[in-house]
């Protein structure tokens, strides 16, 4: 058993001991719903605004935090840990892990929980793609297009979790084609292109607010975007015309699991869930032995920043 913490006396009269203030905590040590909400709100922000990753809605009154593995399913969560589908160091409960969530508008949250559609990670193009498996007309405009998630983000959802959700969606719609067609390249959702939230040069999303030009840049930015952007037509395509079929089998699952374990968010999760109380050299050795590679993209000393 580790020794109890000791505090220098006298204690501060109007606050906790040094190092125990709220502002001094980081997300790597939070095992509460705060970690879930904060991680998603910091990740799913575009041009300074939190937005639905499917449709781009920025109305905070209707945005909701959506679980992939529901918060009422801790046994499934533990099972996934045991099977290596998520890191052993992931938060103990799904409601605490930001890599188990999405920011969605109320409509798409409802559709996600009702199994109207699923999200498929495609390792070859490194995108999370919306699949309208229920063939609902209202969802067809989003079908086959990538949603606003960056595989390189330290809190990107574990792609493996979407497999569980996809299996449920398929079970709810047993008479739909098992291999729906979609474009091969997984183009971005229309709003991502029209609102200019993706930087093609860097290959990443624009998170920060645009410069203030007197009207917060909204009018001029929107007008410029509309002039440059033409909405794409929804074309599913097929294998012969450069499209693909979204099938699910053992090989597909193996590919997604391999991609999940190579994600920066997987390695970041392992680092966050590991104790780094030793010396610098001890921590380096622990990192290499537990994480498996000497990856400098995730620094144990800065995981909470």
Protein backbone atom coordinates (compact mmCIF):
# COMPACT_ATOMS: atom_id res chain seq x y z
CA UNK A 1 0.00 0.00 0.00
CA UNK A 2 1.30 3.44 -0.92
CA UNK A 3 1.92 5.79 2.04
CA UNK A 4 -0.66 8.48 2.71
CA UNK A 5 0.06 11.97 1.44
CA UNK A 6 1.48 14.47 3.91
CA UNK A 7 0.88 18.21 3.80
CA UNK A 8 3.04 21.02 5.13
CA UNK A 9 1.50 22.92 8.02
CA UNK A 10 -0.20 25.24 8.43
CA UNK A 11 -2.73 24.48 5.67
CA UNK A 12 -3.93 27.35 3.47
CA UNK A 13 -6.88 29.07 5.18
CA UNK A 14 -9.08 29.40 2.08
CA UNK A 15 -8.28 26.45 -0.12
CA UNK A 16 -6.93 22.91 -0.46
CA UNK A 17 -3.26 21.96 0.03
CA UNK A 18 -0.82 22.86 -2.77
CA UNK A 19 -1.27 20.60 -5.80
CA UNK A 20 -4.86 19.69 -4.97
CA UNK A 21 -6.68 22.66 -6.46
CA UNK A 22 -9.11 22.05 -9.34
CA UNK A 23 -7.05 24.11 -11.76
CA UNK A 24 -3.99 21.99 -10.91
CA UNK A 25 -5.63 18.75 -11.96
CA UNK A 26 -5.31 17.42 -15.49
CA UNK A 27 -7.54 15.15 -17.51
CA UNK A 28 -5.20 12.17 -17.22
CA UNK A 29 -6.04 11.84 -13.50
CA UNK A 30 -9.75 12.56 -13.77
CA UNK A 31 -11.86 9.40 -13.62
CA UNK A 32 -15.15 11.25 -13.62
CA UNK A 33 -17.70 12.39 -16.16
CA UNK A 34 -15.74 15.66 -16.26
CA UNK A 35 -13.00 13.91 -18.24
CA UNK A 36 -15.57 12.65 -20.75
CA UNK A 37 -17.24 16.03 -21.27
CA UNK A 38 -14.03 18.06 -21.30
CA UNK A 39 -12.21 15.75 -23.70
CA UNK A 40 -15.05 15.83 -26.23
CA UNK A 41 -15.65 19.59 -25.94
CA UNK A 42 -11.96 20.26 -26.55
CA UNK A 43 -11.82 17.85 -29.48
CA UNK A 44 -15.06 18.53 -31.39
CA UNK A 45 -14.51 22.27 -31.81
CA UNK A 46 -14.16 23.95 -35.20
CA UNK A 47 -13.29 27.59 -35.80
CA UNK A 48 -13.80 28.20 -32.10
CA UNK A 49 -17.23 26.57 -31.89
CA UNK A 50 -18.37 23.18 -30.66
CA UNK A 51 -20.29 21.52 -33.49
CA UNK A 52 -22.07 18.29 -34.35
CA UNK A 53 -19.45 16.14 -36.07
CA UNK A 54 -22.06 14.88 -38.55
CA UNK A 55 -24.00 17.95 -39.71
CA UNK A 56 -21.95 20.81 -38.26
CA UNK A 57 -24.77 22.32 -36.20
CA UNK A 58 -23.27 24.79 -33.71
CA UNK A 59 -26.34 25.48 -31.56
CA UNK A 60 -25.15 24.75 -28.05
CA UNK A 61 -28.75 24.34 -26.89
CA UNK A 62 -29.15 21.21 -29.03
CA UNK A 63 -25.64 19.75 -28.93
CA UNK A 64 -25.32 16.58 -26.87
CA UNK A 65 -22.57 14.24 -25.74
CA UNK A 66 -23.18 10.80 -27.20
CA UNK A 67 -21.71 7.52 -25.93
CA UNK A 68 -20.62 4.83 -28.38
CA UNK A 69 -20.65 2.13 -25.70
CA UNK A 70 -23.43 3.34 -23.45
CA UNK A 71 -22.71 4.43 -19.91
CA UNK A 72 -25.05 1.68 -18.70
CA UNK A 73 -22.80 -1.02 -20.20
CA UNK A 74 -19.72 -1.27 -17.95
CA UNK A 75 -19.58 -5.07 -18.38
CA UNK A 76 -19.22 -4.74 -22.14
CA UNK A 77 -16.56 -2.08 -21.55
CA UNK A 78 -14.59 -4.45 -19.30
CA UNK A 79 -15.00 -7.25 -21.84
CA UNK A 80 -13.54 -5.05 -24.58
CA UNK A 81 -10.55 -4.32 -22.36
CA UNK A 82 -9.99 -8.01 -21.77
CA UNK A 83 -10.14 -8.74 -25.49
CA UNK A 84 -7.71 -5.97 -26.38
CA UNK A 85 -10.26 -3.92 -28.28
CA UNK A 86 -9.46 -0.89 -26.09
CA UNK A 87 -6.38 -0.25 -23.90
CA UNK A 88 -6.27 -1.75 -20.43
CA UNK A 89 -5.39 1.76 -19.23
CA UNK A 90 -8.69 3.24 -20.51
CA UNK A 91 -10.95 4.78 -17.89
CA UNK A 92 -12.65 2.22 -15.65
CA UNK A 93 -16.13 3.20 -16.80
CA UNK A 94 -17.35 4.19 -20.29
CA UNK A 95 -18.97 7.37 -18.98
CA UNK A 96 -15.51 8.64 -18.00
CA UNK A 97 -13.62 8.01 -21.26
CA UNK A 98 -13.74 10.77 -23.92
CA UNK A 99 -12.58 8.27 -26.55
CA UNK A 100 -15.99 6.62 -26.15
CA UNK A 101 -17.95 9.66 -27.21
CA UNK A 102 -19.05 12.11 -29.89
CA UNK A 103 -20.56 15.55 -29.96
CA UNK A 104 -23.83 15.33 -31.89
CA UNK A 105 -26.92 17.44 -32.41
CA UNK A 106 -30.07 16.08 -30.80
CA UNK A 107 -31.34 14.64 -34.10
CA UNK A 108 -28.19 12.68 -34.88
CA UNK A 109 -27.81 11.62 -31.26
CA UNK A 110 -31.31 10.18 -31.43
CA UNK A 111 -30.54 8.44 -34.72
CA UNK A 112 -27.27 7.03 -33.38
CA UNK A 113 -28.94 5.58 -30.28
CA UNK A 114 -31.88 4.31 -32.38
CA UNK A 115 -29.45 2.43 -34.67
CA UNK A 116 -30.47 4.31 -37.81
CA UNK A 117 -26.85 4.66 -38.98
CA UNK A 118 -23.35 3.65 -38.02
CA UNK A 119 -19.87 5.13 -38.30
CA UNK A 120 -17.23 3.04 -40.05
CA UNK A 121 -13.52 3.78 -39.78
CA UNK A 122 -11.77 3.07 -43.08
CA UNK A 123 -8.07 2.37 -42.43
CA UNK A 124 -7.01 2.91 -46.05
CA UNK A 125 -8.23 6.53 -46.13
CA UNK A 126 -8.00 7.11 -42.34
CA UNK A 127 -11.49 8.59 -42.08
CA UNK A 128 -14.63 7.93 -40.03
CA UNK A 129 -17.49 7.60 -42.54
CA UNK A 130 -21.25 7.90 -42.02
CA UNK A 131 -23.27 4.90 -43.28
CA UNK A 132 -27.05 5.31 -43.60
CA UNK A 133 -27.78 1.63 -43.08
CA UNK A 134 -31.50 2.18 -42.41
CA UNK A 135 -31.84 3.98 -45.76
CA UNK A 136 -33.77 6.82 -44.14
CA UNK A 137 -34.28 9.59 -46.74
CA UNK A 138 -33.45 12.29 -44.17
CA UNK A 139 -29.99 10.75 -43.62
CA UNK A 140 -29.06 10.05 -47.23
CA UNK A 141 -27.30 13.39 -47.68
CA UNK A 142 -24.71 12.26 -45.11
CA UNK A 143 -24.21 8.72 -46.42
CA UNK A 144 -20.73 7.73 -47.54
CA UNK A 145 -19.16 10.99 -46.38
CA UNK A 146 -16.59 11.41 -43.63
CA UNK A 147 -17.56 13.09 -40.37
CA UNK A 148 -15.42 15.64 -38.55
CA UNK A 149 -13.10 13.38 -36.57
CA UNK A 150 -9.31 13.40 -36.88
CA UNK A 151 -7.60 10.05 -36.42
CA UNK A 152 -4.49 11.90 -35.20
CA UNK A 153 -6.25 13.58 -32.26
CA UNK A 154 -5.12 12.33 -28.84
CA UNK A 155 -8.79 11.91 -27.86
CA UNK A 156 -10.06 10.49 -31.15
CA UNK A 157 -12.66 7.75 -30.54
CA UNK A 158 -11.38 4.18 -30.52
CA UNK A 159 -12.35 2.96 -33.98
CA UNK A 160 -12.98 -0.52 -32.57
CA UNK A 161 -15.95 0.74 -30.55
CA UNK A 162 -17.84 1.62 -33.70
CA UNK A 163 -17.74 -2.07 -34.69
CA UNK A 164 -19.96 -2.94 -31.71
CA UNK A 165 -22.39 -0.20 -32.64
CA UNK A 166 -22.35 -1.27 -36.29
CA UNK A 167 -23.23 -4.86 -35.34
CA UNK A 168 -26.25 -3.56 -33.46
CA UNK A 169 -27.34 -1.36 -36.36
CA UNK A 170 -27.13 -4.32 -38.72
CA UNK A 171 -29.16 -6.43 -36.28
CA UNK A 172 -31.88 -3.80 -36.12
CA UNK A 173 -32.18 -3.82 -39.92
CA UNK A 174 -31.82 -7.50 -40.90
CA UNK A 175 -33.35 -7.09 -44.36
CA UNK A 176 -31.11 -4.30 -45.62
CA UNK A 177 -28.23 -5.16 -48.01
CA UNK A 178 -25.26 -6.40 -46.00
CA UNK A 179 -22.80 -4.44 -48.17
CA UNK A 180 -24.19 -0.94 -48.78
CA UNK A 181 -22.40 0.99 -51.50
CA UNK A 182 -20.54 4.25 -50.93
CA UNK A 183 -17.91 6.37 -52.70
CA UNK A 184 -14.44 4.90 -52.49
CA UNK A 185 -12.69 8.07 -51.30
CA UNK A 186 -15.09 9.00 -48.47
CA UNK A 187 -15.45 12.74 -49.24
CA UNK A 188 -15.96 15.11 -46.32
CA UNK A 189 -19.44 16.06 -45.20
CA UNK A 190 -20.70 19.09 -47.12
CA UNK A 191 -20.54 21.49 -44.15
CA UNK A 192 -16.84 20.69 -43.59
CA UNK A 193 -16.10 21.93 -47.10
CA UNK A 194 -18.60 24.81 -47.23
CA UNK A 195 -17.55 26.25 -43.85
CA UNK A 196 -13.85 25.80 -44.54
CA UNK A 197 -13.09 24.02 -41.28
CA UNK A 198 -10.55 21.64 -42.83
CA UNK A 199 -7.08 22.79 -43.85
CA UNK A 200 -5.97 20.76 -46.86
CA UNK A 201 -2.40 22.01 -46.58
CA UNK A 202 -1.90 20.60 -43.06
CA UNK A 203 -4.47 17.84 -43.38
CA UNK A 204 -6.11 18.88 -40.11
CA UNK A 205 -9.19 20.68 -38.83
CA UNK A 206 -9.15 24.36 -37.95
CA UNK A 207 -9.90 24.51 -34.24
CA UNK A 208 -9.25 28.15 -33.38
CA UNK A 209 -11.65 31.03 -33.94
CA UNK A 210 -11.05 33.00 -37.16
CA UNK A 211 -9.61 36.54 -36.86
CA UNK A 212 -12.13 39.19 -35.84
CA UNK A 213 -12.74 41.59 -38.76
CA UNK A 214 -15.44 43.64 -37.06
CA UNK A 215 -18.33 41.23 -37.53
CA UNK A 216 -16.49 38.20 -36.07
CA UNK A 217 -15.64 37.20 -39.61
CA UNK A 218 -18.92 35.33 -39.96
CA UNK A 219 -20.53 37.23 -42.80
CA UNK A 220 -17.49 37.58 -45.05
CA UNK A 221 -16.32 34.07 -44.28
CA UNK A 222 -19.71 32.51 -44.99
CA UNK A 223 -20.15 34.43 -48.23
CA UNK A 224 -16.69 33.45 -49.45
CA UNK A 225 -17.31 29.82 -48.54
CA UNK A 226 -20.62 29.69 -50.40
CA UNK A 227 -19.01 31.12 -53.53
CA UNK A 228 -16.25 28.54 -53.46
CA UNK A 229 -18.34 25.52 -52.51
CA UNK A 230 -20.85 23.52 -54.49
CA UNK A 231 -22.72 20.81 -52.53
CA UNK A 232 -21.87 17.31 -53.62
CA UNK A 233 -24.60 15.04 -54.87
CA UNK A 234 -25.21 11.85 -52.95
CA UNK A 235 -23.84 9.05 -55.09
CA UNK A 236 -23.27 5.65 -53.57
CA UNK A 237 -21.35 4.26 -56.51
CA UNK A 238 -20.32 0.63 -56.76
CA UNK A 239 -17.17 -1.42 -57.08
CA UNK A 240 -17.13 -1.13 -60.87
CA UNK A 241 -17.47 2.66 -60.84
CA UNK A 242 -14.82 3.39 -58.23
CA UNK A 243 -17.03 2.83 -55.19
CA UNK A 244 -16.84 0.30 -52.39
CA UNK A 245 -19.11 -2.03 -50.44
CA UNK A 246 -19.24 -1.63 -46.65
CA UNK A 247 -19.10 -5.25 -45.56
CA UNK A 248 -18.30 -6.66 -42.13
CA UNK A 249 -16.32 -9.85 -41.67
CA UNK A 250 -13.37 -11.20 -39.70
CA UNK A 251 -10.78 -9.63 -42.01
CA UNK A 252 -12.44 -6.21 -41.85
CA UNK A 253 -12.60 -6.38 -38.07
CA UNK A 254 -8.94 -7.42 -37.85
CA UNK A 255 -7.91 -4.46 -40.02
CA UNK A 256 -9.89 -2.00 -37.89
CA UNK A 257 -8.48 -3.43 -34.66
CA UNK A 258 -4.94 -3.16 -35.99
CA UNK A 259 -5.58 0.46 -37.01
CA UNK A 260 -7.13 1.22 -33.61
CA UNK A 261 -4.08 -0.05 -31.74
CA UNK A 262 -1.83 2.12 -33.91
CA UNK A 263 -3.85 5.30 -33.29
CA UNK A 264 -2.21 8.16 -31.37
CA UNK A 265 -5.26 8.17 -29.07
CA UNK A 266 -4.58 4.54 -28.08
CA UNK A 267 -0.99 5.38 -27.13
CA UNK A 268 -2.06 8.58 -25.38
CA UNK A 269 -4.61 6.58 -23.37
CA UNK A 270 -1.92 4.09 -22.32
CA UNK A 271 0.32 6.92 -21.19
CA UNK A 272 -2.47 8.69 -19.27
CA UNK A 273 -3.41 5.50 -17.45
CA UNK A 274 0.15 4.69 -16.36
CA UNK A 275 1.77 5.98 -13.19
CA UNK A 276 4.83 8.19 -13.84
CA UNK A 277 6.06 8.71 -10.31
CA UNK A 278 9.60 7.41 -10.89
CA UNK A 279 12.71 9.16 -12.15
CA UNK A 280 12.97 10.37 -15.73
CA UNK A 281 15.03 7.32 -16.72
CA UNK A 282 12.61 4.96 -14.96
CA UNK A 283 9.69 6.58 -16.72
CA UNK A 284 11.39 6.25 -20.10
CA UNK A 285 12.01 2.55 -19.47
CA UNK A 286 8.43 2.10 -18.28
CA UNK A 287 7.13 3.87 -21.36
CA UNK A 288 9.09 1.69 -23.77
CA UNK A 289 8.22 -1.53 -21.95
CA UNK A 290 4.51 -0.82 -21.37
CA UNK A 291 3.61 1.13 -24.50
CA UNK A 292 5.85 -1.02 -26.64
CA UNK A 293 7.66 1.59 -28.77
CA UNK A 294 9.73 4.68 -28.18
CA UNK A 295 7.14 7.02 -29.71
CA UNK A 296 8.12 10.65 -29.17
CA UNK A 297 4.72 11.92 -30.39
CA UNK A 298 3.28 11.22 -26.92
CA UNK A 299 5.40 12.66 -24.13
CA UNK A 300 4.77 11.20 -20.64
CA UNK A 301 5.71 14.54 -19.11
CA UNK A 302 3.00 16.43 -21.05
CA UNK A 303 0.09 14.00 -21.30
CA UNK A 304 -2.14 16.13 -19.17
CA UNK A 305 -1.59 19.38 -20.99
